[in-house]
Structures are given as structure tokens and as C-alpha cells.
PDB file of N, CA and C in Angstrom:
ATOM      1  N   MET A   1      90.392 100.308  90.892  1.00  0.00           N
ATOM      2  CA  MET A   1      89.758  99.973  91.455  1.00  0.00           C
ATOM      3  C   MET A   1      88.620 100.212  91.098  1.00  0.00           C
ATOM      4  N   SER A   2      87.242  99.581  90.757  1.00  0.00           N
ATOM      5  CA  SER A   2      85.945  99.805  90.069  1.00  0.00           C
ATOM      6  C   SER A   2      84.983 100.429  91.071  1.00  0.00           C
ATOM      7  N   GLU A   3      84.265 101.147  90.397  1.00  0.00           N
ATOM      8  CA  GLU A   3      83.408 102.093  91.055  1.00  0.00           C
ATOM      9  C   GLU A   3      82.506 100.719  91.428  1.00  0.00           C
ATOM     10  N   GLY A   4      81.750 100.677  93.082  1.00  0.00           N
ATOM     11  CA  GLY A   4      80.640 100.070  93.406  1.00  0.00           C
ATOM     12  C   GLY A   4      80.928  98.415  94.276  1.00  0.00           C
ATOM     13  N   THR A   5      82.693  98.090  94.292  1.00  0.00           N
ATOM     14  CA  THR A   5      82.793  97.337  94.605  1.00  0.00           C
ATOM     15  C   THR A   5      83.794  97.884  96.484  1.00  0.00           C
ATOM     16  N   THR A   6      84.018  96.538  96.803  1.00  0.00           N
ATOM     17  CA  THR A   6      85.199  96.873  98.034  1.00  0.00           C
ATOM     18  C   THR A   6      86.135  97.211  97.643  1.00  0.00           C
ATOM     19  N   PRO A   7      86.946  97.824  98.750  1.00  0.00           N
ATOM     20  CA  PRO A   7      88.183  98.070  98.342  1.00  0.00           C
ATOM     21  C   PRO A   7      88.964  97.194  98.524  1.00  0.00           C
ATOM     22  N   SER A   8      89.929  96.984  97.749  1.00  0.00           N
ATOM     23  CA  SER A   8      90.786  95.584  97.839  1.00  0.00           C
ATOM     24  C   SER A   8      92.448  95.574  97.721  1.00  0.00           C
ATOM     25  N   ILE A   9      92.909  95.619  98.125  1.00  0.00           N
ATOM     26  CA  ILE A   9      94.359  95.804  98.045  1.00  0.00           C
ATOM     27  C   ILE A   9      94.500  94.654  97.217  1.00  0.00           C
ATOM     28  N   ALA A  10      94.471  93.241  97.078  1.00  0.00           N
ATOM     29  CA  ALA A  10      94.937  92.560  95.935  1.00  0.00           C
ATOM     30  C   ALA A  10      94.103  92.796  94.503  1.00  0.00           C
ATOM     31  N   ALA A  11      92.943  93.866  94.355  1.00  0.00           N
ATOM     32  CA  ALA A  11      92.413  94.410  93.656  1.00  0.00           C
ATOM     33  C   ALA A  11      93.717  95.726  92.944  1.00  0.00           C
ATOM     34  N   HIS A  12      94.229  96.072  93.958  1.00  0.00           N
ATOM     35  CA  HIS A  12      94.759  97.762  93.351  1.00  0.00           C
ATOM     36  C   HIS A  12      95.810  97.865  92.581  1.00  0.00           C
ATOM     37  N   PRO A  13      95.491  97.636  91.335  1.00  0.00           N
ATOM     38  CA  PRO A  13      96.236  97.737  90.723  1.00  0.00           C
ATOM     39  C   PRO A  13      98.018  98.171  90.880  1.00  0.00           C
ATOM     40  N   ARG A  14      98.156  99.229  91.583  1.00  0.00           N
ATOM     41  CA  ARG A  14      99.412  99.805  91.913  1.00  0.00           C
ATOM     42  C   ARG A  14      99.892  98.965  93.258  1.00  0.00           C
ATOM     43  N   ALA A  15      99.366  98.767  94.063  1.00  0.00           N
ATOM     44  CA  ALA A  15      99.645  98.237  95.429  1.00  0.00           C
ATOM     45  C   ALA A  15      99.537  96.522  95.007  1.00  0.00           C
ATOM     46  N   ARG A  16      99.213  95.827  94.116  1.00  0.00           N
ATOM     47  CA  ARG A  16     100.299  95.032  93.889  1.00  0.00           C
ATOM     48  C   ARG A  16     101.541  94.825  93.395  1.00  0.00           C
ATOM     49  N   GLU A  17     101.559  95.139  92.317  1.00  0.00           N
ATOM     50  CA  GLU A  17     103.050  95.448  91.516  1.00  0.00           C
ATOM     51  C   GLU A  17     104.141  95.943  92.597  1.00  0.00           C
ATOM     52  N   GLN A  18     103.691  96.880  93.377  1.00  0.00           N
ATOM     53  CA  GLN A  18     104.320  97.196  94.574  1.00  0.00           C
ATOM     54  C   GLN A  18     105.021  96.387  95.736  1.00  0.00           C
ATOM     55  N   ILE A  19     103.547  95.891  96.091  1.00  0.00           N
ATOM     56  CA  ILE A  19     104.386  94.558  96.367  1.00  0.00           C
ATOM     57  C   ILE A  19     104.818  93.555  96.597  1.00  0.00           C
ATOM     58  N   ARG A  20     104.469  93.225  95.361  1.00  0.00           N
ATOM     59  CA  ARG A  20     105.536  91.934  94.609  1.00  0.00           C
ATOM     60  C   ARG A  20     106.996  92.273  94.493  1.00  0.00           C
ATOM     61  N   ARG A  21     107.332  93.940  94.412  1.00  0.00           N
ATOM     62  CA  ARG A  21     108.650  94.437  94.003  1.00  0.00           C
ATOM     63  C   ARG A  21     109.222  94.506  95.589  1.00  0.00           C
ATOM     64  N   ALA A  22     108.429  94.817  96.358  1.00  0.00           N
ATOM     65  CA  ALA A  22     109.092  95.556  97.830  1.00  0.00           C
ATOM     66  C   ALA A  22     109.561  93.639  99.080  1.00  0.00           C
ATOM     67  N   LYS A  23     108.424  92.483  98.485  1.00  0.00           N
ATOM     68  CA  LYS A  23     108.605  91.051  98.628  1.00  0.00           C
ATOM     69  C   LYS A  23     109.881  90.274  98.066  1.00  0.00           C
ATOM     70  N   GLY A  24     110.526  91.464  96.701  1.00  0.00           N
ATOM     71  CA  GLY A  24     111.732  90.835  96.003  1.00  0.00           C
ATOM     72  C   GLY A  24     112.996  91.495  96.522  1.00  0.00           C
ATOM     73  N   TRP A  25     112.801  92.606  96.862  1.00  0.00           N
ATOM     74  CA  TRP A  25     113.567  93.113  97.178  1.00  0.00           C
ATOM     75  C   TRP A  25     114.160  92.859  98.514  1.00  0.00           C
ATOM     76  N   GLY A  26     112.798  92.622  99.769  1.00  0.00           N
ATOM     77  CA  GLY A  26     113.045  91.837 101.141  1.00  0.00           C
ATOM     78  C   GLY A  26     113.807  90.504 100.731  1.00  0.00           C
ATOM     79  N   GLY A  27     113.743  89.630 100.564  1.00  0.00           N
ATOM     80  CA  GLY A  27     114.043  88.341  99.787  1.00  0.00           C
ATOM     81  C   GLY A  27     115.827  88.807  99.587  1.00  0.00           C
ATOM     82  N   LEU A  28     115.896  89.369  99.260  1.00  0.00           N
ATOM     83  CA  LEU A  28     116.954  89.676  98.007  1.00  0.00           C
ATOM     84  C   LEU A  28     118.484  90.460  99.501  1.00  0.00           C
ATOM     85  N   ALA A  29     117.869  91.634  99.900  1.00  0.00           N
ATOM     86  CA  ALA A  29     118.001  92.368 101.306  1.00  0.00           C
ATOM     87  C   ALA A  29     118.657  91.295 102.628  1.00  0.00           C
ATOM     88  N   GLY A  30     117.278  90.300 102.723  1.00  0.00           N
ATOM     89  CA  GLY A  30     117.752  89.420 103.489  1.00  0.00           C
ATOM     90  C   GLY A  30     118.285  88.198 103.579  1.00  0.00           C
ATOM     91  N   PHE A  31     118.387  87.957 102.559  1.00  0.00           N
ATOM     92  CA  PHE A  31     119.839  86.661 101.437  1.00  0.00           C
ATOM     93  C   PHE A  31     120.975  87.115 102.071  1.00  0.00           C
ATOM     94  N   GLY A  32     121.029  88.906 101.423  1.00  0.00           N
ATOM     95  CA  GLY A  32     122.540  89.246 101.160  1.00  0.00           C
ATOM     96  C   GLY A  32     123.079  89.291 102.725  1.00  0.00           C
ATOM     97  N   LEU A  33     122.105  89.957 103.352  1.00  0.00           N
ATOM     98  CA  LEU A  33     122.995  90.217 105.130  1.00  0.00           C
ATOM     99  C   LEU A  33     123.116  89.510 104.941  1.00  0.00           C
ATOM    100  N   VAL A  34     122.816  88.127 105.614  1.00  0.00           N
ATOM    101  CA  VAL A  34     122.440  86.956 106.314  1.00  0.00           C
ATOM    102  C   VAL A  34     123.867  86.077 105.744  1.00  0.00           C
ATOM    103  N   ALA A  35     123.859  86.357 104.049  1.00  0.00           N
ATOM    104  CA  ALA A  35     125.289  85.814 103.764  1.00  0.00           C
ATOM    105  C   ALA A  35     126.512  86.773 104.129  1.00  0.00           C
ATOM    106  N   LEU A  36     126.318  88.138 104.144  1.00  0.00           N
ATOM    107  CA  LEU A  36     127.719  88.109 104.689  1.00  0.00           C
ATOM    108  C   LEU A  36     127.739  88.328 105.981  1.00  0.00           C
ATOM    109  N   PHE A  37     126.958  88.203 106.667  1.00  0.00           N
ATOM    110  CA  PHE A  37     127.246  88.466 108.195  1.00  0.00           C
ATOM    111  C   PHE A  37     128.142  86.817 108.673  1.00  0.00           C
ATOM    112  N   SER A  38     127.148  85.487 108.015  1.00  0.00           N
ATOM    113  CA  SER A  38     127.007  84.220 107.869  1.00  0.00           C
ATOM    114  C   SER A  38     129.035  84.276 107.141  1.00  0.00           C
ATOM    115  N   HIS A  39     128.996  84.666 106.664  1.00  0.00           N
ATOM    116  CA  HIS A  39     131.227  84.930 105.820  1.00  0.00           C
ATOM    117  C   HIS A  39     131.613  85.548 106.643  1.00  0.00           C
ATOM    118  N   SER A  40     131.359  86.454 106.987  1.00  0.00           N
ATOM    119  CA  SER A  40     132.189  87.438 107.889  1.00  0.00           C
ATOM    120  C   SER A  40     132.566  86.505 109.362  1.00  0.00           C
ATOM    121  N   ALA A  41     131.417  85.480 109.917  1.00  0.00           N
ATOM    122  CA  ALA A  41     131.713  85.080 111.307  1.00  0.00           C
ATOM    123  C   ALA A  41     132.453  83.673 110.855  1.00  0.00           C
ATOM    124  N   GLY A  42     132.942  83.186 109.341  1.00  0.00           N
ATOM    125  CA  GLY A  42     133.428  82.231 109.232  1.00  0.00           C
ATOM    126  C   GLY A  42     133.027  81.156 109.169  1.00  0.00           C
ATOM    127  N   VAL A  43     131.694  80.916 109.198  1.00  0.00           N
ATOM    128  CA  VAL A  43     130.328  79.711 108.920  1.00  0.00           C
ATOM    129  C   VAL A  43     131.127  79.507 108.053  1.00  0.00           C
ATOM    130  N   PRO A  44     131.081  77.405 107.590  1.00  0.00           N
ATOM    131  CA  PRO A  44     131.533  77.034 106.157  1.00  0.00           C
ATOM    132  C   PRO A  44     130.242  77.391 105.175  1.00  0.00           C
ATOM    133  N   LEU A  45     130.602  76.891 104.053  1.00  0.00           N
ATOM    134  CA  LEU A  45     129.685  77.502 102.896  1.00  0.00           C
ATOM    135  C   LEU A  45     128.491  76.743 102.672  1.00  0.00           C
ATOM    136  N   ALA A  46     128.230  75.013 103.142  1.00  0.00           N
ATOM    137  CA  ALA A  46     126.870  74.735 103.317  1.00  0.00           C
ATOM    138  C   ALA A  46     125.593  75.588 104.274  1.00  0.00           C
ATOM    139  N   ASP A  47     126.214  75.645 105.257  1.00  0.00           N
ATOM    140  CA  ASP A  47     125.874  76.159 106.311  1.00  0.00           C
ATOM    141  C   ASP A  47     125.623  77.829 105.970  1.00  0.00           C
ATOM    142  N   LEU A  48     126.254  78.528 105.290  1.00  0.00           N
ATOM    143  CA  LEU A  48     125.968  79.597 104.745  1.00  0.00           C
ATOM    144  C   LEU A  48     125.007  79.924 104.060  1.00  0.00           C
ATOM    145  N   ALA A  49     124.800  79.015 103.337  1.00  0.00           N
ATOM    146  CA  ALA A  49     123.742  78.445 102.274  1.00  0.00           C
ATOM    147  C   ALA A  49     122.298  78.760 102.118  1.00  0.00           C
ATOM    148  N   LEU A  50     122.510  77.805 103.337  1.00  0.00           N
ATOM    149  CA  LEU A  50     121.476  77.416 104.681  1.00  0.00           C
ATOM    150  C   LEU A  50     120.632  78.627 105.156  1.00  0.00           C
ATOM    151  N   ARG A  51     121.349  79.364 105.428  1.00  0.00           N
ATOM    152  CA  ARG A  51     121.146  80.071 106.151  1.00  0.00           C
ATOM    153  C   ARG A  51     121.094  81.282 106.052  1.00  0.00           C
ATOM    154  N   ALA A  52     121.688  81.581 104.962  1.00  0.00           N
ATOM    155  CA  ALA A  52     121.165  82.756 103.812  1.00  0.00           C
ATOM    156  C   ALA A  52     119.316  82.519 103.259  1.00  0.00           C
ATOM    157  N   ILE A  53     119.484  81.094 102.555  1.00  0.00           N
ATOM    158  CA  ILE A  53     117.903  81.263 102.197  1.00  0.00           C
ATOM    159  C   ILE A  53     116.885  81.446 103.368  1.00  0.00           C
ATOM    160  N   VAL A  54     117.112  80.781 105.039  1.00  0.00           N
ATOM    161  CA  VAL A  54     116.182  81.528 105.219  1.00  0.00           C
ATOM    162  C   VAL A  54     116.176  82.575 106.006  1.00  0.00           C
ATOM    163  N   GLY A  55     117.674  83.594 105.895  1.00  0.00           N
ATOM    164  CA  GLY A  55     116.814  84.616 106.062  1.00  0.00           C
ATOM    165  C   GLY A  55     116.028  85.623 104.654  1.00  0.00           C
ATOM    166  N   GLY A  56     116.655  85.119 103.755  1.00  0.00           N
ATOM    167  CA  GLY A  56     116.074  85.588 102.353  1.00  0.00           C
ATOM    168  C   GLY A  56     114.673  85.355 103.193  1.00  0.00           C
ATOM    169  N   SER A  57     114.304  84.346 103.329  1.00  0.00           N
ATOM    170  CA  SER A  57     112.876  83.457 103.226  1.00  0.00           C
ATOM    171  C   SER A  57     112.137  84.777 104.104  1.00  0.00           C
ATOM    172  N   ILE A  58     112.849  84.980 105.656  1.00  0.00           N
ATOM    173  CA  ILE A  58     112.472  86.332 106.507  1.00  0.00           C
ATOM    174  C   ILE A  58     112.431  87.309 105.905  1.00  0.00           C
ATOM    175  N   GLY A  59     113.610  87.917 104.905  1.00  0.00           N
ATOM    176  CA  GLY A  59     113.151  88.827 104.847  1.00  0.00           C
ATOM    177  C   GLY A  59     111.785  88.873 103.960  1.00  0.00           C
ATOM    178  N   TRP A  60     111.758  88.365 102.964  1.00  0.00           N
ATOM    179  CA  TRP A  60     110.692  87.893 102.218  1.00  0.00           C
ATOM    180  C   TRP A  60     109.238  88.445 102.632  1.00  0.00           C
ATOM    181  N   LEU A  61     109.223  87.471 104.250  1.00  0.00           N
ATOM    182  CA  LEU A  61     107.972  87.837 104.412  1.00  0.00           C
ATOM    183  C   LEU A  61     107.279  88.924 105.526  1.00  0.00           C
ATOM    184  N   VAL A  62     108.563  89.598 106.132  1.00  0.00           N
ATOM    185  CA  VAL A  62     108.915  91.132 106.336  1.00  0.00           C
ATOM    186  C   VAL A  62     108.646  91.776 105.528  1.00  0.00           C
ATOM    187  N   ALA A  63     109.032  91.905 104.793  1.00  0.00           N
ATOM    188  CA  ALA A  63     108.908  93.380 103.575  1.00  0.00           C
ATOM    189  C   ALA A  63     107.022  92.747 103.102  1.00  0.00           C
ATOM    190  N   TRP A  64     107.322  91.747 102.914  1.00  0.00           N
ATOM    191  CA  TRP A  64     105.726  91.494 102.465  1.00  0.00           C
ATOM    192  C   TRP A  64     104.420  91.818 103.393  1.00  0.00           C
ATOM    193  N   ILE A  65     105.072  91.420 104.641  1.00  0.00           N
ATOM    194  CA  ILE A  65     103.400  92.310 105.891  1.00  0.00           C
ATOM    195  C   ILE A  65     104.206  93.873 105.922  1.00  0.00           C
ATOM    196  N   VAL A  66     104.932  94.417 105.973  1.00  0.00           N
ATOM    197  CA  VAL A  66     105.359  96.153 105.996  1.00  0.00           C
ATOM    198  C   VAL A  66     104.579  96.691 104.733  1.00  0.00           C
ATOM    199  N   ALA A  67     104.746  95.454 103.379  1.00  0.00           N
ATOM    200  CA  ALA A  67     104.007  96.228 102.104  1.00  0.00           C
ATOM    201  C   ALA A  67     102.702  95.829 102.023  1.00  0.00           C
ATOM    202  N   LEU A  68     102.267  95.408 102.688  1.00  0.00           N
ATOM    203  CA  LEU A  68     101.049  95.234 102.980  1.00  0.00           C
ATOM    204  C   LEU A  68     100.014  96.269 104.551  1.00  0.00           C
ATOM    205  N   GLN A  69     100.693  96.484 104.931  1.00  0.00           N
ATOM    206  CA  GLN A  69     100.141  97.606 106.438  1.00  0.00           C
ATOM    207  C   GLN A  69     100.364  98.708 105.687  1.00  0.00           C
ATOM    208  N   VAL A  70     101.200  98.543 104.931  1.00  0.00           N
ATOM    209  CA  VAL A  70     101.354 100.780 103.917  1.00  0.00           C
ATOM    210  C   VAL A  70     100.661 100.731 103.051  1.00  0.00           C
ATOM    211  N   TRP A  71     100.542  99.918 102.155  1.00  0.00           N
ATOM    212  CA  TRP A  71      99.335  99.883 101.429  1.00  0.00           C
ATOM    213  C   TRP A  71      97.426  99.649 102.023  1.00  0.00           C
ATOM    214  N   ARG A  72      97.536  99.171 102.972  1.00  0.00           N
ATOM    215  CA  ARG A  72      96.299  98.850 103.908  1.00  0.00           C
ATOM    216  C   ARG A  72      96.082 100.926 104.076  1.00  0.00           C
ATOM    217  N   GLN A  73      96.996 101.454 104.712  1.00  0.00           N
ATOM    218  CA  GLN A  73      96.646 102.587 104.929  1.00  0.00           C
ATOM    219  C   GLN A  73      96.487 103.711 103.881  1.00  0.00           C
ATOM    220  N   LEU A  74      97.275 103.404 102.796  1.00  0.00           N
ATOM    221  CA  LEU A  74      96.770 104.107 101.418  1.00  0.00           C
ATOM    222  C   LEU A  74      95.743 103.697 100.804  1.00  0.00           C
ATOM    223  N   THR A  75      95.376 102.466 100.882  1.00  0.00           N
ATOM    224  CA  THR A  75      94.281 102.105  99.994  1.00  0.00           C
ATOM    225  C   THR A  75      92.938 103.312 101.049  1.00  0.00           C
ATOM    226  N   ILE A  76      92.817 102.913 102.525  1.00  0.00           N
ATOM    227  CA  ILE A  76      92.057 103.650 103.340  1.00  0.00           C
ATOM    228  C   ILE A  76      92.072 105.151 102.958  1.00  0.00           C
ATOM    229  N   ALA A  77      93.336 105.531 102.912  1.00  0.00           N
ATOM    230  CA  ALA A  77      92.922 107.028 102.495  1.00  0.00           C
ATOM    231  C   ALA A  77      92.407 107.705 100.932  1.00  0.00           C
ATOM    232  N   GLU A  78      93.035 106.675 100.050  1.00  0.00           N
ATOM    233  CA  GLU A  78      92.240 106.827  98.878  1.00  0.00           C
ATOM    234  C   GLU A  78      90.830 106.808  98.880  1.00  0.00           C
ATOM    235  N   VAL A  79      89.770 105.944  99.951  1.00  0.00           N
ATOM    236  CA  VAL A  79      88.984 105.940 100.109  1.00  0.00           C
ATOM    237  C   VAL A  79      87.830 107.151 100.194  1.00  0.00           C
ATOM    238  N   ARG A  80      88.885 107.177 101.557  1.00  0.00           N
ATOM    239  CA  ARG A  80      88.439 108.635 102.241  1.00  0.00           C
ATOM    240  C   ARG A  80      88.145 109.522 100.941  1.00  0.00           C
ATOM    241  N   LYS A  81      89.361 110.105 100.387  1.00  0.00           N
ATOM    242  CA  LYS A  81      89.737 111.212  99.729  1.00  0.00           C
ATOM    243  C   LYS A  81      88.122 111.040  98.791  1.00  0.00           C
ATOM    244  N   ARG A  82      87.918 109.639  97.795  1.00  0.00           N
ATOM    245  CA  ARG A  82      86.825 110.025  97.304  1.00  0.00           C
ATOM    246  C   ARG A  82      85.966 110.344  97.555  1.00  0.00           C
ATOM    247  N   GLU A  83      85.588 109.772  98.710  1.00  0.00           N
ATOM    248  CA  GLU A  83      83.857 109.882  99.683  1.00  0.00           C
ATOM    249  C   GLU A  83      84.098 111.536 100.101  1.00  0.00           C
ATOM    250  N   ARG A  84      85.224 112.325 100.036  1.00  0.00           N
ATOM    251  CA  ARG A  84      85.160 113.419 100.597  1.00  0.00           C
ATOM    252  C   ARG A  84      84.653 114.330  99.000  1.00  0.00           C
ATOM    253  N   GLU A  85      85.398 114.017  97.944  1.00  0.00           N
ATOM    254  CA  GLU A  85      84.661 114.455  96.434  1.00  0.00           C
ATOM    255  C   GLU A  85      83.518 114.083  96.386  1.00  0.00           C
ATOM    256  N   TRP A  86      82.887 113.395  97.192  1.00  0.00           N
ATOM    257  CA  TRP A  86      81.485 112.780  96.115  1.00  0.00           C
ATOM    258  C   TRP A  86      80.659 114.020  97.270  1.00  0.00           C
ATOM    259  N   LEU A  87      81.082 113.850  98.481  1.00  0.00           N
ATOM    260  CA  LEU A  87      80.110 114.672  99.522  1.00  0.00           C
ATOM    261  C   LEU A  87      80.184 116.197  98.981  1.00  0.00           C
ATOM    262  N   ARG A  88      81.462 116.706  98.237  1.00  0.00           N
ATOM    263  CA  ARG A  88      81.446 118.068  97.926  1.00  0.00           C
ATOM    264  C   ARG A  88      80.769 118.222  96.506  1.00  0.00           C
ATOM    265  N   GLU A  89      80.744 117.080  95.543  1.00  0.00           N
ATOM    266  CA  GLU A  89      79.723 116.721  94.296  1.00  0.00           C
ATOM    267  C   GLU A  89      78.558 117.234  94.929  1.00  0.00           C
ATOM    268  N   ARG A  90      78.306 116.153  95.933  1.00  0.00           N
ATOM    269  CA  ARG A  90      76.771 116.251  96.461  1.00  0.00           C
ATOM    270  C   ARG A  90      76.402 117.680  96.654  1.00  0.00           C
ATOM    271  N   ALA A  91      77.155 118.269  97.420  1.00  0.00           N
ATOM    272  CA  ALA A  91      77.122 119.369  98.401  1.00  0.00           C
ATOM    273  C   ALA A  91      76.521 120.723  97.018  1.00  0.00           C
ATOM    274  N   GLY A  92      77.499 120.516  96.191  1.00  0.00           N
ATOM    275  CA  GLY A  92      77.317 121.477  95.397  1.00  0.00           C
ATOM    276  C   GLY A  92      76.335 121.397  94.413  1.00  0.00           C
ATOM    277  N   ALA A  93      75.731 120.268  93.955  1.00  0.00           N
ATOM    278  CA  ALA A  93      74.745 119.507  93.363  1.00  0.00           C
ATOM    279  C   ALA A  93      73.837 120.536  94.075  1.00  0.00           C
ATOM    280  N   ALA A  94      73.393 120.295  95.373  1.00  0.00           N
ATOM    281  CA  ALA A  94      72.398 120.652  96.164  1.00  0.00           C
ATOM    282  C   ALA A  94      72.412 121.892  96.585  1.00  0.00           C
ATOM    283  N   GLY A  95      73.540 122.952  95.982  1.00  0.00           N
ATOM    284  CA  GLY A  95      73.804 124.360  96.099  1.00  0.00           C
ATOM    285  C   GLY A  95      73.345 124.553  95.020  1.00  0.00           C
ATOM    286  N   GLU A  96      73.695 124.229  93.458  1.00  0.00           N
ATOM    287  CA  GLU A  96      72.768 124.244  92.563  1.00  0.00           C
ATOM    288  C   GLU A  96      71.439 124.294  92.735  1.00  0.00           C
ATOM    289  N   LEU A  97      70.663 123.360  93.041  1.00  0.00           N
ATOM    290  CA  LEU A  97      69.532 123.149  92.847  1.00  0.00           C
ATOM    291  C   LEU A  97      68.770 123.967  94.063  1.00  0.00           C
ATOM    292  N   GLU A  98      69.104 124.540  95.249  1.00  0.00           N
ATOM    293  CA  GLU A  98      69.059 125.971  95.904  1.00  0.00           C
ATOM    294  C   GLU A  98      68.958 127.061  95.301  1.00  0.00           C
ATOM    295  N   GLN A  99      70.180 127.191  93.951  1.00  0.00           N
ATOM    296  CA  GLN A  99      70.161 129.066  93.687  1.00  0.00           C
ATOM    297  C   GLN A  99      68.753 128.213  92.270  1.00  0.00           C
ATOM    298  N   THR A 100      68.677 127.015  92.072  1.00  0.00           N
ATOM    299  CA  THR A 100      67.725 127.435  90.604  1.00  0.00           C
ATOM    300  C   THR A 100      66.208 127.897  91.346  1.00  0.00           C
ATOM    301  N   ALA A 101      66.163 127.155  92.509  1.00  0.00           N
ATOM    302  CA  ALA A 101      65.151 127.288  93.543  1.00  0.00           C
ATOM    303  C   ALA A 101      64.523 128.850  93.732  1.00  0.00           C
ATOM    304  N   ILE A 102      66.423 129.737  94.370  1.00  0.00           N
ATOM    305  CA  ILE A 102      66.096 130.666  94.800  1.00  0.00           C
ATOM    306  C   ILE A 102      65.167 131.577  93.483  1.00  0.00           C
ATOM    307  N   MET A 103      65.856 131.043  92.395  1.00  0.00           N
ATOM    308  CA  MET A 103      66.084 132.275  90.872  1.00  0.00           C
ATOM    309  C   MET A 103      64.051 132.004  90.413  1.00  0.00           C
ATOM    310  N   LYS A 104      63.560 130.833  91.284  1.00  0.00           N
ATOM    311  CA  LYS A 104      62.047 130.762  90.665  1.00  0.00           C
ATOM    312  C   LYS A 104      61.752 131.408  91.731  1.00  0.00           C
ATOM    313  N   PRO A 105      60.946 132.208  92.016  1.00  0.00           N
ATOM    314  CA  PRO A 105      60.229 132.369  93.174  1.00  0.00           C
ATOM    315  C   PRO A 105      58.715 131.266  92.738  1.00  0.00           C
ATOM    316  N   GLY A 106      58.320 130.501  93.994  1.00  0.00           N
ATOM    317  CA  GLY A 106      57.160 130.116  93.781  1.00  0.00           C
ATOM    318  C   GLY A 106      57.560 129.056  93.332  1.00  0.00           C
ATOM    319  N   ALA A 107      58.662 128.667  92.626  1.00  0.00           N
ATOM    320  CA  ALA A 107      58.478 127.102  92.155  1.00  0.00           C
ATOM    321  C   ALA A 107      57.844 125.916  93.030  1.00  0.00           C
ATOM    322  N   GLU A 108      58.552 126.039  94.315  1.00  0.00           N
ATOM    323  CA  GLU A 108      58.304 125.143  94.943  1.00  0.00           C
ATOM    324  C   GLU A 108      56.605 125.106  95.483  1.00  0.00           C
ATOM    325  N   SER A 109      56.121 125.912  95.014  1.00  0.00           N
ATOM    326  CA  SER A 109      54.186 125.843  95.903  1.00  0.00           C
ATOM    327  C   SER A 109      54.102 125.686  94.573  1.00  0.00           C
ATOM    328  N   GLY A 110      54.442 125.419  93.309  1.00  0.00           N
ATOM    329  CA  GLY A 110      53.805 125.314  92.460  1.00  0.00           C
ATOM    330  C   GLY A 110      52.774 126.351  91.708  1.00  0.00           C
ATOM    331  N   ALA A 111      53.000 127.629  92.055  1.00  0.00           N
ATOM    332  CA  ALA A 111      52.385 128.985  91.505  1.00  0.00           C
ATOM    333  C   ALA A 111      53.470 129.246  90.154  1.00  0.00           C
ATOM    334  N   PRO A 112      52.923 129.643  88.823  1.00  0.00           N
ATOM    335  CA  PRO A 112      54.046 130.397  88.230  1.00  0.00           C
ATOM    336  C   PRO A 112      54.778 130.956  88.676  1.00  0.00           C
ATOM    337  N   ALA A 113      56.678 131.028  87.955  1.00  0.00           N
ATOM    338  CA  ALA A 113      57.313 132.385  87.825  1.00  0.00           C
ATOM    339  C   ALA A 113      56.846 133.526  87.701  1.00  0.00           C
ATOM    340  N   GLU A 114      58.008 134.352  88.097  1.00  0.00           N
ATOM    341  CA  GLU A 114      57.426 136.074  87.256  1.00  0.00           C
ATOM    342  C   GLU A 114      57.624 135.951  85.995  1.00  0.00           C
ATOM    343  N   GLY A 115      56.429 136.522  85.520  1.00  0.00           N
ATOM    344  CA  GLY A 115      57.009 136.432  83.923  1.00  0.00           C
ATOM    345  C   GLY A 115      55.843 135.371  82.856  1.00  0.00           C
ATOM    346  N   GLN A 116      55.765 134.442  84.071  1.00  0.00           N
ATOM    347  CA  GLN A 116      54.529 133.546  83.376  1.00  0.00           C
ATOM    348  C   GLN A 116      53.393 133.359  83.766  1.00  0.00           C
ATOM    349  N   ALA A 117      52.946 133.137  82.502  1.00  0.00           N
ATOM    350  CA  ALA A 117      51.125 133.275  82.749  1.00  0.00           C
ATOM    351  C   ALA A 117      50.577 132.070  83.040  1.00  0.00           C
ATOM    352  N   ALA A 118      49.662 131.625  83.854  1.00  0.00           N
ATOM    353  CA  ALA A 118      49.046 130.598  84.605  1.00  0.00           C
ATOM    354  C   ALA A 118      48.078 130.206  83.772  1.00  0.00           C
ATOM    355  N   THR A 119      48.454 128.842  83.641  1.00  0.00           N
ATOM    356  CA  THR A 119      47.706 128.306  82.218  1.00  0.00           C
ATOM    357  C   THR A 119      46.499 127.340  83.332  1.00  0.00           C
TER     358      THR A 119
END
């Protein structure tokens, strides 16, 4: 994901690839399981093929929904992690500014620091 954009599962390179794989495996698993169960039930070949195709379609759909939900949570976790890192960096930068101000007394009031002559 690039900086300054809204988080999107479709724009996430790892999510897109893994969702595609999950849909493929879900479709194959649904097709295979339904074909196996239909065959062991003694269903005629034409009906077995039709049921297996429907089972594969349902497996594909279920795998897609599950993969989207998983990646939605992973994307939210990544955004929160980046936010925490950004806040730590920001707090660190603020701490450095405070340290610089402490080391140079009078810097806030405009008075010259120790060892500096007033001009």
C-alpha cells in the first residue's frame, strides 16, 4: 500500500494473491468432496458432475468470503501497527526537541544561550 491512500484489500499485493489462491483451493476442495460423496452414494455420472460443479462453486464462494474476512483483519492490524510506529517516531522527535531546548537554556525566551554573546 502506498502512503496517503485508503487501506484496501484489493490494493494489497499479498492479499490479492492469497485470496486468489484460497478461491482456487476452495473451488477444488468443494468439487472434489461433492464428487467423492456423490460417487460413494451411487449417483449417476451426469448428476455427479453437475453436483460437483455446484459444490465447487459453493466452495469457491465460501473460500472467498473467509479469505476476505481474514485479510480485512490483517489489513486493519497492519494499519494499526503503522500508526503506533508513526506515533513512536513522533514522540521520539518531540523528545529530541525537548532535549535540545533543555540543553540550550533561554532558547525559548530568545535570550542567548550560555557562552553566546548578545548581538
